[in-house]
């Protein structure tokens, strides 16, 4: 059986101050490896910053021993042969890019630029933010390179023992504090047409009230102008807006909790210098410690960091460890969990109700544990790593059948 190659960008790729992302990416790679191995496949991990790893992968390609490859974001897509051709130009192997970030998140060299410049004849995108990602890739002028899209959410193996743990942390928040230098509407101090400035402020106002993605907010606001291609013309401002709103939302949520004297434990050292740091308990500085803290927490309070169509991985991590979750709204969470009373959801126009939601759950052990158990069982029986791996394999099988009419593997 041919092998699956799984790429991840190692620590050298990330900024020296961003060890958190490097660790999360590596842990995700280990999860991906295990879930395919449990189905009988051989998975080769490749750190794109390690030349020895890359050499081993190139040998597999030369031996025609690669079924397909996967990379988080654009990992693996910028590998080249000695003659300057892209690896995936030379070999007719499908590659799946698992979209773990918005196309407009980070710099051009971080994600979107690497995808745009990719030389890959069989590129498939797995996204955890659905339609908005597809439309953004259209506006970034490289959707034509992509052969297929599919919805993908990272799932975690449930920890049965965690249901029996004593929980001494009332409320946990595991998001890091983004730098505050963009927590202002910077466009209001820049020279630009008044119409554009008004659009940006309308979009920001909408995002501060509704739990939607940046794409959906821009589309909502620009639709009233009835101007063809207006949305595409201002696409370059998506990143500025994204950087603004994810910071505004995270700090707004934390501030509301602190100002209402909710006992909150933060899970990242980035909060040590925050204005309310003395009113928080700050524990855990890496992903492994965070996973352990979930086992001690009664409630996770979470924003979605811009992933408003589906969910953020931290919600799934917490649920799989028996935590009751109070989260920013998403259609996915509403359909899969809220309808079964397995989660509490809030919108930004009622974020002031979150302390009340939390207090209600803290004061009612039975309600909280029943809610957490319902969510746990949904993850356990429906959203399993095995089911996710099977879904990916189905996408590959369908793609290859459509491409050349035969079964592969």
Protein backbone atom coordinates (compact mmCIF):
# COMPACT_ATOMS: atom_id res chain seq x y z
CA UNK A 1 0.00 0.00 0.00
CA UNK A 2 1.29 3.44 -0.91
CA UNK A 3 2.03 5.90 1.85
CA UNK A 4 0.39 9.12 2.98
CA UNK A 5 2.80 12.03 3.46
CA UNK A 6 1.82 14.58 6.10
CA UNK A 7 3.66 17.92 6.03
CA UNK A 8 3.86 20.43 8.84
CA UNK A 9 5.88 23.64 9.14
CA UNK A 10 8.32 23.11 12.01
CA UNK A 11 9.39 25.53 14.73
CA UNK A 12 12.01 27.23 12.51
CA UNK A 13 9.23 28.42 10.20
CA UNK A 14 7.40 30.22 12.96
CA UNK A 15 8.47 33.45 14.60
CA UNK A 16 10.66 32.79 17.64
CA UNK A 17 7.94 34.30 19.82
CA UNK A 18 5.27 32.01 18.40
CA UNK A 19 6.18 28.69 19.98
CA UNK A 20 2.49 28.15 20.72
CA UNK A 21 1.56 27.81 17.05
CA UNK A 22 4.53 25.57 16.32
CA UNK A 23 3.52 23.18 19.08
CA UNK A 24 -0.17 23.15 18.14
CA UNK A 25 0.73 22.42 14.51
CA UNK A 26 2.99 19.54 15.56
CA UNK A 27 0.35 18.06 17.87
CA UNK A 28 -2.18 18.29 15.02
CA UNK A 29 0.23 16.40 12.79
CA UNK A 30 0.50 13.60 15.35
CA UNK A 31 -3.30 13.37 15.54
CA UNK A 32 -3.59 13.21 11.74
CA UNK A 33 -0.91 10.51 11.60
CA UNK A 34 -2.59 8.34 14.20
CA UNK A 35 -6.09 8.49 12.72
CA UNK A 36 -4.93 7.25 9.30
CA UNK A 37 -2.68 4.60 10.84
CA UNK A 38 -5.68 3.30 12.79
CA UNK A 39 -7.28 2.59 9.40
CA UNK A 40 -4.25 0.62 8.24
CA UNK A 41 -2.34 3.30 6.31
CA UNK A 42 1.33 4.14 6.65
CA UNK A 43 1.85 7.85 7.33
CA UNK A 44 5.15 9.67 6.96
CA UNK A 45 5.52 12.94 8.86
CA UNK A 46 7.63 15.60 7.17
CA UNK A 47 8.88 18.72 8.93
CA UNK A 48 9.27 21.19 6.06
CA UNK A 49 12.15 22.83 7.96
CA UNK A 50 14.09 19.56 8.16
CA UNK A 51 16.14 18.68 5.07
CA UNK A 52 16.50 15.06 6.15
CA UNK A 53 12.71 14.68 6.31
CA UNK A 54 12.32 16.33 2.90
CA UNK A 55 14.95 14.01 1.39
CA UNK A 56 13.06 10.95 2.61
CA UNK A 57 9.83 12.23 1.10
CA UNK A 58 11.48 12.95 -2.25
CA UNK A 59 12.73 9.34 -2.29
CA UNK A 60 9.16 8.12 -1.77
CA UNK A 61 7.97 10.20 -4.72
CA UNK A 62 10.76 8.87 -6.93
CA UNK A 63 9.74 5.33 -6.01
CA UNK A 64 6.08 6.09 -6.85
CA UNK A 65 5.20 5.19 -3.27
CA UNK A 66 2.94 8.12 -2.32
CA UNK A 67 -0.87 7.71 -2.31
CA UNK A 68 -1.55 11.38 -1.49
CA UNK A 69 -0.17 14.08 0.77
CA UNK A 70 -1.62 16.49 3.32
CA UNK A 71 -0.30 19.75 4.72
CA UNK A 72 -1.62 22.19 7.28
CA UNK A 73 -2.25 25.44 5.42
CA UNK A 74 0.38 25.61 2.66
CA UNK A 75 2.93 23.23 4.19
CA UNK A 76 4.54 21.05 1.51
CA UNK A 77 3.35 23.09 -1.45
CA UNK A 78 6.56 25.05 -1.94
CA UNK A 79 8.90 22.09 -2.48
CA UNK A 80 10.90 22.09 -5.69
CA UNK A 81 13.02 19.66 -7.69
CA UNK A 82 16.59 20.23 -8.80
CA UNK A 83 15.46 21.65 -12.17
CA UNK A 84 13.28 24.26 -10.46
CA UNK A 85 9.97 22.54 -11.17
CA UNK A 86 7.48 22.13 -8.35
CA UNK A 87 7.32 18.68 -6.77
CA UNK A 88 3.61 18.42 -7.62
CA UNK A 89 4.22 19.43 -11.22
CA UNK A 90 6.55 16.49 -11.64
CA UNK A 91 4.42 13.89 -9.85
CA UNK A 92 0.71 13.35 -10.40
CA UNK A 93 -0.07 12.99 -6.69
CA UNK A 94 -3.06 14.73 -5.05
CA UNK A 95 -2.24 17.14 -2.26
CA UNK A 96 -4.73 18.28 0.40
CA UNK A 97 -4.19 21.65 2.02
CA UNK A 98 -5.99 21.65 5.36
CA UNK A 99 -7.09 25.23 5.86
CA UNK A 100 -6.36 25.97 9.52
CA UNK A 101 -6.46 29.73 9.03
CA UNK A 102 -8.47 32.26 7.11
CA UNK A 103 -7.01 33.05 3.66
CA UNK A 104 -6.62 36.65 4.79
CA UNK A 105 -4.92 35.80 8.11
CA UNK A 106 -1.23 36.63 8.37
CA UNK A 107 1.13 37.97 5.76
CA UNK A 108 1.26 37.13 2.07
CA UNK A 109 4.18 34.76 2.74
CA UNK A 110 2.32 33.00 5.57
CA UNK A 111 -0.49 31.28 3.70
CA UNK A 112 -2.30 32.93 0.86
CA UNK A 113 0.84 33.78 -1.10
CA UNK A 114 2.18 30.26 -0.76
CA UNK A 115 -1.09 28.86 -2.08
CA UNK A 116 -1.21 31.37 -4.91
CA UNK A 117 2.33 30.49 -6.00
CA UNK A 118 1.93 26.73 -5.54
CA UNK A 119 2.81 24.58 -8.53
CA UNK A 120 0.41 21.74 -7.91
CA UNK A 121 -1.69 19.99 -10.53
CA UNK A 122 -3.93 18.16 -8.04
CA UNK A 123 -4.64 20.63 -5.24
CA UNK A 124 -7.57 19.97 -2.88
CA UNK A 125 -8.61 22.34 -0.08
CA UNK A 126 -10.08 21.10 3.20
CA UNK A 127 -11.59 24.06 5.03
CA UNK A 128 -13.11 24.53 8.45
CA UNK A 129 -14.80 27.76 7.48
CA UNK A 130 -16.74 26.71 4.42
CA UNK A 131 -18.17 28.98 1.79
CA UNK A 132 -16.39 32.16 2.89
CA UNK A 133 -13.00 30.54 2.27
CA UNK A 134 -14.00 29.50 -1.24
CA UNK A 135 -15.18 33.01 -2.08
CA UNK A 136 -12.04 34.59 -0.63
CA UNK A 137 -9.88 32.34 -2.75
CA UNK A 138 -11.84 33.46 -5.79
CA UNK A 139 -11.12 37.07 -4.92
CA UNK A 140 -7.45 36.26 -4.37
CA UNK A 141 -7.35 35.03 -7.99
CA UNK A 142 -6.16 31.50 -7.56
CA UNK A 143 -9.27 29.38 -7.10
CA UNK A 144 -8.69 28.09 -10.65
CA UNK A 145 -5.71 26.14 -9.31
CA UNK A 146 -7.91 24.22 -6.90
CA UNK A 147 -9.50 20.98 -8.07
CA UNK A 148 -11.86 20.34 -5.14
CA UNK A 149 -13.06 21.69 -1.79
CA UNK A 150 -14.43 19.84 1.22
CA UNK A 151 -15.44 20.74 4.76
CA UNK A 152 -12.99 19.60 7.39
CA UNK A 153 -13.01 19.93 11.18
CA UNK A 154 -10.25 18.48 13.36
CA UNK A 155 -11.67 15.96 15.82
CA UNK A 156 -10.08 14.59 18.97
CA UNK A 157 -10.25 11.21 20.62
CA UNK A 158 -12.41 11.52 23.73
CA UNK A 159 -10.90 10.92 27.16
CA UNK A 160 -13.39 8.72 29.04
CA UNK A 161 -11.53 9.02 32.33
CA UNK A 162 -11.80 12.82 32.28
CA UNK A 163 -15.53 12.53 33.04
CA UNK A 164 -14.67 11.33 36.53
CA UNK A 165 -12.05 13.95 37.43
CA UNK A 166 -12.48 16.44 40.24
CA UNK A 167 -12.70 19.87 38.64
CA UNK A 168 -11.14 22.73 40.62
CA UNK A 169 -11.10 25.37 37.84
CA UNK A 170 -14.42 27.14 37.51
CA UNK A 171 -13.94 28.97 34.21
CA UNK A 172 -11.16 28.45 31.68
CA UNK A 173 -10.16 30.54 28.67
CA UNK A 174 -7.46 29.04 26.43
CA UNK A 175 -7.04 31.70 23.74
CA UNK A 176 -3.89 33.76 23.76
CA UNK A 177 -3.80 37.54 23.97
CA UNK A 178 -3.00 38.96 20.56
CA UNK A 179 -0.82 42.05 20.50
CA UNK A 180 -2.90 45.14 21.18
CA UNK A 181 -1.27 47.36 18.55
CA UNK A 182 -4.10 46.68 16.08
CA UNK A 183 -6.92 47.09 18.59
CA UNK A 184 -8.01 50.30 16.91
CA UNK A 185 -9.65 51.23 13.65
CA UNK A 186 -6.40 52.17 11.96
CA UNK A 187 -8.09 52.98 8.67
CA UNK A 188 -9.64 56.08 10.24
CA UNK A 189 -6.21 57.72 10.40
CA UNK A 190 -5.15 56.73 6.87
CA UNK A 191 -5.81 58.70 3.68
CA UNK A 192 -8.60 57.03 1.70
CA UNK A 193 -11.88 57.87 -0.03
CA UNK A 194 -14.69 58.66 2.41
CA UNK A 195 -16.87 55.96 0.86
CA UNK A 196 -14.25 53.28 1.63
CA UNK A 197 -13.77 54.57 5.18
CA UNK A 198 -17.53 54.43 5.75
CA UNK A 199 -17.69 50.85 4.43
CA UNK A 200 -14.89 49.73 6.74
CA UNK A 201 -16.56 51.31 9.77
CA UNK A 202 -19.91 49.74 8.86
CA UNK A 203 -18.22 46.33 8.57
CA UNK A 204 -16.48 46.79 11.94
CA UNK A 205 -19.76 47.83 13.58
CA UNK A 206 -21.47 44.75 12.15
CA UNK A 207 -18.71 42.41 13.32
CA UNK A 208 -18.85 43.92 16.82
CA UNK A 209 -22.51 42.93 17.02
CA UNK A 210 -22.89 39.73 14.97
CA UNK A 211 -20.99 36.43 15.16
CA UNK A 212 -20.16 36.22 11.47
CA UNK A 213 -16.95 35.94 9.47
CA UNK A 214 -15.13 38.90 7.97
CA UNK A 215 -16.21 37.80 4.50
CA UNK A 216 -19.89 37.67 5.44
CA UNK A 217 -19.74 41.10 7.10
CA UNK A 218 -18.10 42.68 4.06
CA UNK A 219 -20.64 41.05 1.76
CA UNK A 220 -23.57 42.18 3.93
CA UNK A 221 -22.38 45.79 3.91
CA UNK A 222 -21.31 46.03 0.25
CA UNK A 223 -24.45 44.37 -1.12
CA UNK A 224 -26.47 47.52 -0.43
CA UNK A 225 -24.29 49.49 -2.84
CA UNK A 226 -25.32 47.26 -5.79
CA UNK A 227 -21.91 47.72 -7.41
CA UNK A 228 -20.49 44.79 -9.31
CA UNK A 229 -17.01 43.75 -8.14
CA UNK A 230 -17.02 46.21 -5.18
CA UNK A 231 -16.34 43.36 -2.75
CA UNK A 232 -13.37 42.16 -4.79
CA UNK A 233 -11.98 45.68 -5.09
CA UNK A 234 -11.72 46.05 -1.30
CA UNK A 235 -10.60 42.48 -0.59
CA UNK A 236 -7.16 43.78 0.42
CA UNK A 237 -8.77 45.25 3.55
CA UNK A 238 -9.99 41.85 4.78
CA UNK A 239 -6.71 41.22 6.61
CA UNK A 240 -6.80 44.60 8.38
CA UNK A 241 -10.38 43.96 9.47
CA UNK A 242 -9.60 40.39 10.57
CA UNK A 243 -6.66 41.55 12.70
CA UNK A 244 -8.88 44.17 14.30
CA UNK A 245 -11.96 42.08 15.05
CA UNK A 246 -10.30 38.97 16.47
CA UNK A 247 -8.53 41.20 19.00
CA UNK A 248 -11.63 43.23 19.76
CA UNK A 249 -13.79 40.15 20.30
CA UNK A 250 -11.32 38.29 22.49
CA UNK A 251 -10.63 41.22 24.76
CA UNK A 252 -14.31 42.16 24.89
CA UNK A 253 -15.24 38.68 26.10
CA UNK A 254 -12.49 38.57 28.73
CA UNK A 255 -13.24 42.11 29.92
CA UNK A 256 -16.95 41.33 30.36
CA UNK A 257 -16.07 38.31 32.48
CA UNK A 258 -13.52 40.14 34.62
CA UNK A 259 -15.70 43.21 35.11
CA UNK A 260 -18.49 40.95 36.36
CA UNK A 261 -16.11 39.21 38.78
CA UNK A 262 -16.24 35.83 37.08
CA UNK A 263 -13.34 33.70 38.42
CA UNK A 264 -11.42 33.09 35.20
CA UNK A 265 -8.26 31.09 34.58
CA UNK A 266 -6.25 32.00 31.52
CA UNK A 267 -4.23 29.37 29.73
CA UNK A 268 -1.48 31.38 28.10
CA UNK A 269 1.37 33.51 29.45
CA UNK A 270 0.55 36.24 26.93
CA UNK A 271 -2.00 37.56 29.44
CA UNK A 272 0.63 38.31 32.11
CA UNK A 273 0.88 41.98 31.11
CA UNK A 274 -2.82 42.53 30.40
CA UNK A 275 -4.62 45.35 32.20
CA UNK A 276 -6.65 42.84 34.23
CA UNK A 277 -3.83 40.35 34.79
CA UNK A 278 -4.02 40.73 38.59
CA UNK A 279 -7.67 39.65 38.50
CA UNK A 280 -6.93 36.44 36.57
CA UNK A 281 -5.29 33.17 37.41
CA UNK A 282 -2.78 32.38 34.66
CA UNK A 283 -1.74 28.75 34.22
CA UNK A 284 -0.37 26.65 31.38
CA UNK A 285 1.98 27.94 28.73
CA UNK A 286 1.91 25.19 26.10
CA UNK A 287 -0.52 22.89 24.35
CA UNK A 288 0.23 19.84 26.50
CA UNK A 289 -0.47 21.79 29.69
CA UNK A 290 -3.67 23.17 28.17
CA UNK A 291 -4.93 19.66 27.45
CA UNK A 292 -4.32 18.75 31.09
CA UNK A 293 -6.09 21.87 32.34
CA UNK A 294 -9.21 20.90 30.40
CA UNK A 295 -9.48 17.91 32.71
CA UNK A 296 -9.69 20.27 35.69
CA UNK A 297 -12.10 22.81 34.21
CA UNK A 298 -15.84 23.01 34.72
CA UNK A 299 -16.53 25.53 31.96
CA UNK A 300 -14.67 26.77 28.89
CA UNK A 301 -15.60 30.24 27.64
CA UNK A 302 -14.55 30.68 24.05
CA UNK A 303 -14.59 33.02 21.08
CA UNK A 304 -14.11 31.49 17.63
CA UNK A 305 -11.14 33.59 16.45
CA UNK A 306 -12.91 34.35 13.18
CA UNK A 307 -13.96 30.79 12.33
CA UNK A 308 -17.64 31.65 12.47
CA UNK A 309 -19.04 29.10 10.03
CA UNK A 310 -17.90 25.99 11.90
CA UNK A 311 -15.94 26.08 15.17
CA UNK A 312 -12.51 26.49 16.68
CA UNK A 313 -10.47 23.47 17.69
CA UNK A 314 -10.39 24.51 21.34
CA UNK A 315 -14.13 23.87 21.67
CA UNK A 316 -13.70 20.32 20.39
CA UNK A 317 -10.65 19.79 22.61
CA UNK A 318 -12.56 20.90 25.69
CA UNK A 319 -15.69 18.88 24.92
CA UNK A 320 -13.57 15.76 24.40
CA UNK A 321 -12.24 16.27 27.95
CA UNK A 322 -15.67 16.61 29.56
CA UNK A 323 -15.84 20.41 29.81
CA UNK A 324 -19.09 22.36 29.50
CA UNK A 325 -18.64 24.99 26.78
CA UNK A 326 -19.99 28.52 26.48
CA UNK A 327 -19.03 29.67 23.00
CA UNK A 328 -19.49 32.37 20.42
CA UNK A 329 -22.28 31.36 18.03
CA UNK A 330 -21.75 29.44 14.81
CA UNK A 331 -24.30 27.63 12.60
CA UNK A 332 -22.34 24.39 13.06
CA UNK A 333 -22.40 24.58 16.86
CA UNK A 334 -26.07 25.53 16.81
CA UNK A 335 -27.04 22.61 14.57
CA UNK A 336 -24.81 19.91 16.06
CA UNK A 337 -24.82 20.84 19.77
CA UNK A 338 -27.21 23.61 20.81
CA UNK A 339 -30.29 21.85 19.44
CA UNK A 340 -29.51 19.04 21.92
CA UNK A 341 -28.83 21.48 24.80
CA UNK A 342 -25.21 20.37 24.71
CA UNK A 343 -23.65 23.85 24.59
CA UNK A 344 -24.41 27.48 25.45
CA UNK A 345 -23.96 30.05 22.66
CA UNK A 346 -23.74 33.83 22.67
CA UNK A 347 -23.67 36.54 20.05
CA UNK A 348 -21.74 39.79 20.28
CA UNK A 349 -24.88 41.87 20.69
CA UNK A 350 -25.63 39.89 23.88
CA UNK A 351 -22.10 39.18 25.13
CA UNK A 352 -23.10 40.85 28.43
CA UNK A 353 -25.23 37.78 29.16
CA UNK A 354 -22.18 35.48 29.26
CA UNK A 355 -21.47 36.03 33.00
CA UNK A 356 -25.10 35.09 33.70
CA UNK A 357 -24.78 31.92 31.57
CA UNK A 358 -21.59 30.99 33.41
CA UNK A 359 -23.03 31.67 36.86
CA UNK A 360 -26.09 29.54 36.05
CA UNK A 361 -23.89 26.59 35.09
CA UNK A 362 -21.58 27.00 38.09
CA UNK A 363 -24.56 27.05 40.47
CA UNK A 364 -26.22 23.99 38.94
CA UNK A 365 -23.84 21.03 38.94
CA UNK A 366 -26.43 18.70 37.44
CA UNK A 367 -27.26 20.98 34.51
CA UNK A 368 -23.59 21.57 33.80
CA UNK A 369 -22.55 17.93 33.92
CA UNK A 370 -25.53 16.80 31.83
CA UNK A 371 -24.72 19.44 29.19
CA UNK A 372 -21.07 18.46 29.12
CA UNK A 373 -21.96 14.77 28.84
CA UNK A 374 -24.33 15.36 25.94
CA UNK A 375 -21.61 17.23 24.02
CA UNK A 376 -19.06 14.56 24.94
CA UNK A 377 -21.29 11.81 23.52
CA UNK A 378 -21.84 13.75 20.28
CA UNK A 379 -18.07 13.94 19.81
CA UNK A 380 -17.61 10.33 20.85
CA UNK A 381 -20.12 8.80 18.45
CA UNK A 382 -20.24 11.24 15.53
CA UNK A 383 -17.22 13.49 15.26
CA UNK A 384 -14.43 10.97 15.73
CA UNK A 385 -10.91 11.09 14.27
CA UNK A 386 -11.70 7.83 12.46
CA UNK A 387 -14.78 9.31 10.79
CA UNK A 388 -12.78 12.36 9.79
CA UNK A 389 -10.07 10.17 8.23
CA UNK A 390 -12.70 8.19 6.34
CA UNK A 391 -14.18 11.43 5.02
CA UNK A 392 -10.76 12.54 3.73
CA UNK A 393 -10.19 9.17 2.09
CA UNK A 394 -13.60 9.40 0.46
CA UNK A 395 -12.69 12.82 -0.96
CA UNK A 396 -9.46 11.41 -2.40
CA UNK A 397 -11.21 8.36 -3.84
CA UNK A 398 -13.92 10.49 -5.47
CA UNK A 399 -11.36 12.91 -6.87
CA UNK A 400 -9.20 10.16 -8.37
CA UNK A 401 -12.21 8.33 -9.81
CA UNK A 402 -13.35 11.51 -11.50
CA UNK A 403 -9.84 12.26 -12.69
CA UNK A 404 -8.85 8.95 -14.21
CA UNK A 405 -11.66 6.48 -13.58
CA UNK A 406 -9.88 3.91 -11.44
CA UNK A 407 -9.53 2.97 -7.80
CA UNK A 408 -6.31 3.97 -6.03
CA UNK A 409 -4.73 3.33 -2.65
